[in-house]
């Protein structure tokens, strides 16, 4: 059985990079507001912002592999 490469993997990698870029711009645009907060609140915000962007990756990675966004039921 021959492996047929699909367009989903390069497209998915591009979408991941686009997601990271958009998220970074969004978080950086809030730096003025966040910079006025106390440092513990800043730490909580940046910790959350640094992990939340990962949530849309699971369906995107599943789509890259299978062509479906949802897991089979």
PDB file of N, CA and C in Angstrom:
ATOM      1  N   UNK A   1       0.837  -1.170   0.000  1.00  0.00           N
ATOM      2  CA  UNK A   1       0.000   0.000   0.000  1.00  0.00           C
ATOM      3  C   UNK A   1       0.888   1.241   0.000  1.00  0.00           C
ATOM      4  N   UNK A   2       0.659   2.117  -0.956  1.00  0.00           N
ATOM      5  CA  UNK A   2       1.453   3.338  -1.052  1.00  0.00           C
ATOM      6  C   UNK A   2       0.832   4.447  -0.216  1.00  0.00           C
ATOM      7  N   UNK A   3       1.692   5.253   0.360  1.00  0.00           N
ATOM      8  CA  UNK A   3       1.238   6.408   1.125  1.00  0.00           C
ATOM      9  C   UNK A   3       1.002   7.572   0.180  1.00  0.00           C
ATOM     10  N   UNK A   4      -0.191   8.150   0.211  1.00  0.00           N
ATOM     11  CA  UNK A   4      -0.525   9.322  -0.590  1.00  0.00           C
ATOM     12  C   UNK A   4      -0.513  10.541   0.313  1.00  0.00           C
ATOM     13  N   UNK A   5       0.425  11.454   0.119  1.00  0.00           N
ATOM     14  CA  UNK A   5       0.409  12.672   0.929  1.00  0.00           C
ATOM     15  C   UNK A   5      -0.839  13.499   0.602  1.00  0.00           C
ATOM     16  N   UNK A   6      -1.343  14.179   1.608  1.00  0.00           N
ATOM     17  CA  UNK A   6      -2.526  15.015   1.411  1.00  0.00           C
ATOM     18  C   UNK A   6      -2.156  16.473   1.603  1.00  0.00           C
ATOM     19  N   UNK A   7      -3.028  17.338   1.170  1.00  0.00           N
ATOM     20  CA  UNK A   7      -2.832  18.780   1.317  1.00  0.00           C
ATOM     21  C   UNK A   7      -3.154  19.226   2.740  1.00  0.00           C
ATOM     22  N   UNK A   8      -3.806  18.354   3.541  1.00  0.00           N
ATOM     23  CA  UNK A   8      -4.232  18.752   4.884  1.00  0.00           C
ATOM     24  C   UNK A   8      -3.056  19.061   5.811  1.00  0.00           C
ATOM     25  N   UNK A   9      -1.971  18.332   5.702  1.00  0.00           N
ATOM     26  CA  UNK A   9      -0.849  18.567   6.623  1.00  0.00           C
ATOM     27  C   UNK A   9      -0.193  19.927   6.392  1.00  0.00           C
ATOM     28  N   UNK A  10       0.178  20.291   5.167  1.00  0.00           N
ATOM     29  CA  UNK A  10       0.732  21.639   4.984  1.00  0.00           C
ATOM     30  C   UNK A  10      -0.278  22.733   5.315  1.00  0.00           C
ATOM     31  N   UNK A  11      -1.553  22.512   4.963  1.00  0.00           N
ATOM     32  CA  UNK A  11      -2.582  23.505   5.285  1.00  0.00           C
ATOM     33  C   UNK A  11      -2.747  23.623   6.795  1.00  0.00           C
ATOM     34  N   UNK A  12      -2.718  22.495   7.488  1.00  0.00           N
ATOM     35  CA  UNK A  12      -2.838  22.499   8.945  1.00  0.00           C
ATOM     36  C   UNK A  12      -1.665  23.202   9.607  1.00  0.00           C
ATOM     37  N   UNK A  13      -0.463  22.972   9.090  1.00  0.00           N
ATOM     38  CA  UNK A  13       0.714  23.660   9.657  1.00  0.00           C
ATOM     39  C   UNK A  13       0.590  25.163   9.459  1.00  0.00           C
ATOM     40  N   UNK A  14       0.100  25.571   8.292  1.00  0.00           N
ATOM     41  CA  UNK A  14      -0.110  26.995   8.049  1.00  0.00           C
ATOM     42  C   UNK A  14      -1.153  27.575   8.990  1.00  0.00           C
ATOM     43  N   UNK A  15      -2.228  26.817   9.224  1.00  0.00           N
ATOM     44  CA  UNK A  15      -3.261  27.292  10.149  1.00  0.00           C
ATOM     45  C   UNK A  15      -2.738  27.383  11.582  1.00  0.00           C
ATOM     46  N   UNK A  16      -1.902  26.441  11.975  1.00  0.00           N
ATOM     47  CA  UNK A  16      -1.314  26.492  13.316  1.00  0.00           C
ATOM     48  C   UNK A  16      -0.453  27.744  13.457  1.00  0.00           C
ATOM     49  N   UNK A  17       0.374  28.017  12.471  1.00  0.00           N
ATOM     50  CA  UNK A  17       1.215  29.221  12.522  1.00  0.00           C
ATOM     51  C   UNK A  17       0.367  30.487  12.533  1.00  0.00           C
ATOM     52  N   UNK A  18      -0.703  30.497  11.750  1.00  0.00           N
ATOM     53  CA  UNK A  18      -1.611  31.646  11.731  1.00  0.00           C
ATOM     54  C   UNK A  18      -2.297  31.819  13.083  1.00  0.00           C
ATOM     55  N   UNK A  19      -2.732  30.723  13.689  1.00  0.00           N
ATOM     56  CA  UNK A  19      -3.353  30.765  15.012  1.00  0.00           C
ATOM     57  C   UNK A  19      -2.393  31.349  16.047  1.00  0.00           C
ATOM     58  N   UNK A  20      -1.151  30.897  16.023  1.00  0.00           N
ATOM     59  CA  UNK A  20      -0.161  31.401  16.978  1.00  0.00           C
ATOM     60  C   UNK A  20       0.091  32.888  16.750  1.00  0.00           C
ATOM     61  N   UNK A  21       0.202  33.306  15.507  1.00  0.00           N
ATOM     62  CA  UNK A  21       0.455  34.719  15.204  1.00  0.00           C
ATOM     63  C   UNK A  21      -0.707  35.599  15.654  1.00  0.00           C
ATOM     64  N   UNK A  22      -1.930  35.176  15.356  1.00  0.00           N
ATOM     65  CA  UNK A  22      -3.102  35.961  15.770  1.00  0.00           C
ATOM     66  C   UNK A  22      -3.193  36.029  17.284  1.00  0.00           C
ATOM     67  N   UNK A  23      -2.974  34.907  17.943  1.00  0.00           N
ATOM     68  CA  UNK A  23      -3.042  34.877  19.408  1.00  0.00           C
ATOM     69  C   UNK A  23      -1.957  35.772  20.014  1.00  0.00           C
ATOM     70  N   UNK A  24      -0.753  35.731  19.468  1.00  0.00           N
ATOM     71  CA  UNK A  24       0.338  36.562  19.987  1.00  0.00           C
ATOM     72  C   UNK A  24       0.014  38.045  19.826  1.00  0.00           C
ATOM     73  N   UNK A  25      -0.544  38.430  18.687  1.00  0.00           N
ATOM     74  CA  UNK A  25      -0.921  39.837  18.472  1.00  0.00           C
ATOM     75  C   UNK A  25      -2.022  40.236  19.443  1.00  0.00           C
ATOM     76  N   UNK A  26      -3.002  39.356  19.638  1.00  0.00           N
ATOM     77  CA  UNK A  26      -4.087  39.649  20.566  1.00  0.00           C
ATOM     78  C   UNK A  26      -3.575  39.849  21.988  1.00  0.00           C
ATOM     79  N   UNK A  27      -2.751  38.937  22.446  1.00  0.00           N
ATOM     80  CA  UNK A  27      -2.218  39.037  23.809  1.00  0.00           C
ATOM     81  C   UNK A  27      -1.310  40.260  23.933  1.00  0.00           C
ATOM     82  N   UNK A  28      -0.490  40.522  22.937  1.00  0.00           N
ATOM     83  CA  UNK A  28       0.403  41.686  22.985  1.00  0.00           C
ATOM     84  C   UNK A  28      -0.391  42.989  22.972  1.00  0.00           C
ATOM     85  N   UNK A  29      -1.536  43.002  22.295  1.00  0.00           N
ATOM     86  CA  UNK A  29      -2.341  44.225  22.264  1.00  0.00           C
ATOM     87  C   UNK A  29      -2.950  44.528  23.634  1.00  0.00           C
ATOM     88  N   UNK A  30      -3.043  43.539  24.485  1.00  0.00           N
ATOM     89  CA  UNK A  30      -3.562  43.744  25.837  1.00  0.00           C
ATOM     90  C   UNK A  30      -2.472  44.093  26.842  1.00  0.00           C
ATOM     91  N   UNK A  31      -1.240  44.182  26.404  1.00  0.00           N
ATOM     92  CA  UNK A  31      -0.113  44.415  27.308  1.00  0.00           C
ATOM     93  C   UNK A  31      -0.258  45.725  28.085  1.00  0.00           C
ATOM     94  N   UNK A  32      -0.809  46.757  27.469  1.00  0.00           N
ATOM     95  CA  UNK A  32      -0.993  48.027  28.170  1.00  0.00           C
ATOM     96  C   UNK A  32      -1.941  47.897  29.347  1.00  0.00           C
ATOM     97  N   UNK A  33      -3.015  47.164  29.157  1.00  0.00           N
ATOM     98  CA  UNK A  33      -3.990  46.952  30.234  1.00  0.00           C
ATOM     99  C   UNK A  33      -3.418  46.026  31.287  1.00  0.00           C
ATOM    100  N   UNK A  34      -2.814  44.940  30.841  1.00  0.00           N
ATOM    101  CA  UNK A  34      -2.270  43.942  31.766  1.00  0.00           C
ATOM    102  C   UNK A  34      -1.082  44.519  32.544  1.00  0.00           C
ATOM    103  N   UNK A  35      -0.324  45.400  31.909  1.00  0.00           N
ATOM    104  CA  UNK A  35       0.842  45.993  32.568  1.00  0.00           C
ATOM    105  C   UNK A  35       0.500  46.841  33.770  1.00  0.00           C
ATOM    106  N   UNK A  36      -0.746  47.311  33.859  1.00  0.00           N
ATOM    107  CA  UNK A  36      -1.174  48.116  35.003  1.00  0.00           C
ATOM    108  C   UNK A  36      -1.645  47.265  36.174  1.00  0.00           C
ATOM    109  N   UNK A  37      -1.758  45.980  35.978  1.00  0.00           N
ATOM    110  CA  UNK A  37      -2.216  45.081  37.045  1.00  0.00           C
ATOM    111  C   UNK A  37      -1.063  44.721  37.967  1.00  0.00           C
ATOM    112  N   UNK A  38      -1.420  44.209  39.128  1.00  0.00           N
ATOM    113  CA  UNK A  38      -0.407  43.704  40.067  1.00  0.00           C
ATOM    114  C   UNK A  38       0.272  42.484  39.448  1.00  0.00           C
ATOM    115  N   UNK A  39       1.515  42.248  39.815  1.00  0.00           N
ATOM    116  CA  UNK A  39       2.275  41.181  39.158  1.00  0.00           C
ATOM    117  C   UNK A  39       1.654  39.794  39.320  1.00  0.00           C
ATOM    118  N   UNK A  40       1.001  39.469  40.458  1.00  0.00           N
ATOM    119  CA  UNK A  40       0.385  38.127  40.509  1.00  0.00           C
ATOM    120  C   UNK A  40      -0.746  37.956  39.481  1.00  0.00           C
ATOM    121  N   UNK A  41      -1.512  39.030  39.258  1.00  0.00           N
ATOM    122  CA  UNK A  41      -2.568  38.969  38.248  1.00  0.00           C
ATOM    123  C   UNK A  41      -1.983  38.866  36.846  1.00  0.00           C
ATOM    124  N   UNK A  42      -0.884  39.569  36.625  1.00  0.00           N
ATOM    125  CA  UNK A  42      -0.201  39.460  35.331  1.00  0.00           C
ATOM    126  C   UNK A  42       0.273  38.029  35.100  1.00  0.00           C
ATOM    127  N   UNK A  43       0.831  37.424  36.146  1.00  0.00           N
ATOM    128  CA  UNK A  43       1.323  36.052  36.020  1.00  0.00           C
ATOM    129  C   UNK A  43       0.191  35.096  35.683  1.00  0.00           C
ATOM    130  N   UNK A  44      -0.952  35.257  36.355  1.00  0.00           N
ATOM    131  CA  UNK A  44      -2.106  34.394  36.082  1.00  0.00           C
ATOM    132  C   UNK A  44      -2.587  34.600  34.651  1.00  0.00           C
ATOM    133  N   UNK A  45      -2.688  35.866  34.215  1.00  0.00           N
ATOM    134  CA  UNK A  45      -3.142  36.152  32.853  1.00  0.00           C
ATOM    135  C   UNK A  45      -2.213  35.531  31.824  1.00  0.00           C
ATOM    136  N   UNK A  46      -0.919  35.763  31.964  1.00  0.00           N
ATOM    137  CA  UNK A  46       0.022  35.248  30.962  1.00  0.00           C
ATOM    138  C   UNK A  46       0.136  33.728  31.015  1.00  0.00           C
ATOM    139  N   UNK A  47      -0.031  33.136  32.179  1.00  0.00           N
ATOM    140  CA  UNK A  47      -0.049  31.675  32.268  1.00  0.00           C
ATOM    141  C   UNK A  47      -1.271  31.121  31.535  1.00  0.00           C
ATOM    142  N   UNK A  48      -2.425  31.745  31.752  1.00  0.00           N
ATOM    143  CA  UNK A  48      -3.643  31.304  31.062  1.00  0.00           C
ATOM    144  C   UNK A  48      -3.528  31.557  29.561  1.00  0.00           C
ATOM    145  N   UNK A  49      -3.080  32.738  29.180  1.00  0.00           N
ATOM    146  CA  UNK A  49      -2.962  33.079  27.760  1.00  0.00           C
ATOM    147  C   UNK A  49      -1.938  32.181  27.062  1.00  0.00           C
ATOM    148  N   UNK A  50      -0.937  31.748  27.797  1.00  0.00           N
ATOM    149  CA  UNK A  50       0.086  30.890  27.217  1.00  0.00           C
ATOM    150  C   UNK A  50      -0.359  29.452  27.023  1.00  0.00           C
ATOM    151  N   UNK A  51      -1.477  29.063  27.662  1.00  0.00           N
ATOM    152  CA  UNK A  51      -1.957  27.690  27.512  1.00  0.00           C
ATOM    153  C   UNK A  51      -3.282  27.591  26.752  1.00  0.00           C
ATOM    154  N   UNK A  52      -4.088  28.639  26.759  1.00  0.00           N
ATOM    155  CA  UNK A  52      -5.406  28.586  26.114  1.00  0.00           C
ATOM    156  C   UNK A  52      -5.294  28.368  24.610  1.00  0.00           C
ATOM    157  N   UNK A  53      -4.263  28.899  23.974  1.00  0.00           N
ATOM    158  CA  UNK A  53      -4.143  28.769  22.522  1.00  0.00           C
ATOM    159  C   UNK A  53      -3.998  27.316  22.077  1.00  0.00           C
ATOM    160  N   UNK A  54      -3.667  26.434  23.016  1.00  0.00           N
ATOM    161  CA  UNK A  54      -3.473  25.029  22.686  1.00  0.00           C
ATOM    162  C   UNK A  54      -4.810  24.315  22.453  1.00  0.00           C
ATOM    163  N   UNK A  55      -5.903  24.824  23.043  1.00  0.00           N
ATOM    164  CA  UNK A  55      -7.196  24.144  22.965  1.00  0.00           C
ATOM    165  C   UNK A  55      -7.676  23.862  21.544  1.00  0.00           C
ATOM    166  N   UNK A  56      -7.580  24.804  20.596  1.00  0.00           N
ATOM    167  CA  UNK A  56      -8.062  24.479  19.246  1.00  0.00           C
ATOM    168  C   UNK A  56      -7.127  23.553  18.460  1.00  0.00           C
ATOM    169  N   UNK A  57      -5.984  23.227  19.015  1.00  0.00           N
ATOM    170  CA  UNK A  57      -5.041  22.388  18.271  1.00  0.00           C
ATOM    171  C   UNK A  57      -5.494  20.936  18.153  1.00  0.00           C
ATOM    172  N   UNK A  58      -6.151  20.390  19.179  1.00  0.00           N
ATOM    173  CA  UNK A  58      -6.533  18.977  19.128  1.00  0.00           C
ATOM    174  C   UNK A  58      -7.446  18.683  17.939  1.00  0.00           C
ATOM    175  N   UNK A  59      -8.547  19.447  17.742  1.00  0.00           N
ATOM    176  CA  UNK A  59      -9.362  19.162  16.560  1.00  0.00           C
ATOM    177  C   UNK A  59      -8.620  19.429  15.252  1.00  0.00           C
ATOM    178  N   UNK A  60      -7.772  20.448  15.245  1.00  0.00           N
ATOM    179  CA  UNK A  60      -7.020  20.755  14.026  1.00  0.00           C
ATOM    180  C   UNK A  60      -6.039  19.632  13.693  1.00  0.00           C
ATOM    181  N   UNK A  61      -5.351  19.120  14.694  1.00  0.00           N
ATOM    182  CA  UNK A  61      -4.426  18.007  14.469  1.00  0.00           C
ATOM    183  C   UNK A  61      -5.180  16.748  14.050  1.00  0.00           C
ATOM    184  N   UNK A  62      -6.359  16.524  14.641  1.00  0.00           N
ATOM    185  CA  UNK A  62      -7.173  15.373  14.243  1.00  0.00           C
ATOM    186  C   UNK A  62      -7.580  15.511  12.772  1.00  0.00           C
ATOM    187  N   UNK A  63      -7.974  16.723  12.377  1.00  0.00           N
ATOM    188  CA  UNK A  63      -8.346  16.955  10.981  1.00  0.00           C
ATOM    189  C   UNK A  63      -7.169  16.716  10.056  1.00  0.00           C
ATOM    190  N   UNK A  64      -5.983  17.152  10.466  1.00  0.00           N
ATOM    191  CA  UNK A  64      -4.803  16.947   9.634  1.00  0.00           C
ATOM    192  C   UNK A  64      -4.550  15.456   9.393  1.00  0.00           C
ATOM    193  N   UNK A  65      -4.818  14.630  10.390  1.00  0.00           N
ATOM    194  CA  UNK A  65      -4.564  13.195  10.272  1.00  0.00           C
ATOM    195  C   UNK A  65      -5.697  12.436   9.588  1.00  0.00           C
ATOM    196  N   UNK A  66      -6.950  12.786   9.924  1.00  0.00           N
ATOM    197  CA  UNK A  66      -8.067  11.963   9.476  1.00  0.00           C
ATOM    198  C   UNK A  66      -8.996  12.641   8.476  1.00  0.00           C
ATOM    199  N   UNK A  67      -8.997  13.965   8.441  1.00  0.00           N
ATOM    200  CA  UNK A  67      -9.939  14.674   7.596  1.00  0.00           C
ATOM    201  C   UNK A  67     -11.229  15.011   8.317  1.00  0.00           C
ATOM    202  N   UNK A  68     -11.308  14.684   9.621  1.00  0.00           N
ATOM    203  CA  UNK A  68     -12.496  14.977  10.425  1.00  0.00           C
ATOM    204  C   UNK A  68     -12.095  15.790  11.652  1.00  0.00           C
ATOM    205  N   UNK A  69     -12.945  16.731  12.033  1.00  0.00           N
ATOM    206  CA  UNK A  69     -12.655  17.546  13.206  1.00  0.00           C
ATOM    207  C   UNK A  69     -13.069  16.847  14.496  1.00  0.00           C
ATOM    208  N   UNK A  70     -14.085  16.021  14.449  1.00  0.00           N
ATOM    209  CA  UNK A  70     -14.584  15.351  15.652  1.00  0.00           C
ATOM    210  C   UNK A  70     -14.085  13.918  15.685  1.00  0.00           C
ATOM    211  N   UNK A  71     -13.932  13.421  16.910  1.00  0.00           N
ATOM    212  CA  UNK A  71     -13.522  12.041  17.082  1.00  0.00           C
ATOM    213  C   UNK A  71     -14.676  11.124  16.666  1.00  0.00           C
ATOM    214  N   UNK A  72     -14.358   9.959  16.141  1.00  0.00           N
ATOM    215  CA  UNK A  72     -15.442   9.033  15.773  1.00  0.00           C
ATOM    216  C   UNK A  72     -16.223   8.620  17.017  1.00  0.00           C
ATOM    217  N   UNK A  73     -17.522   8.541  16.862  1.00  0.00           N
ATOM    218  CA  UNK A  73     -18.336   8.173  18.034  1.00  0.00           C
ATOM    219  C   UNK A  73     -18.650   6.715  18.088  1.00  0.00           C
TER     220      UNK A  73
END
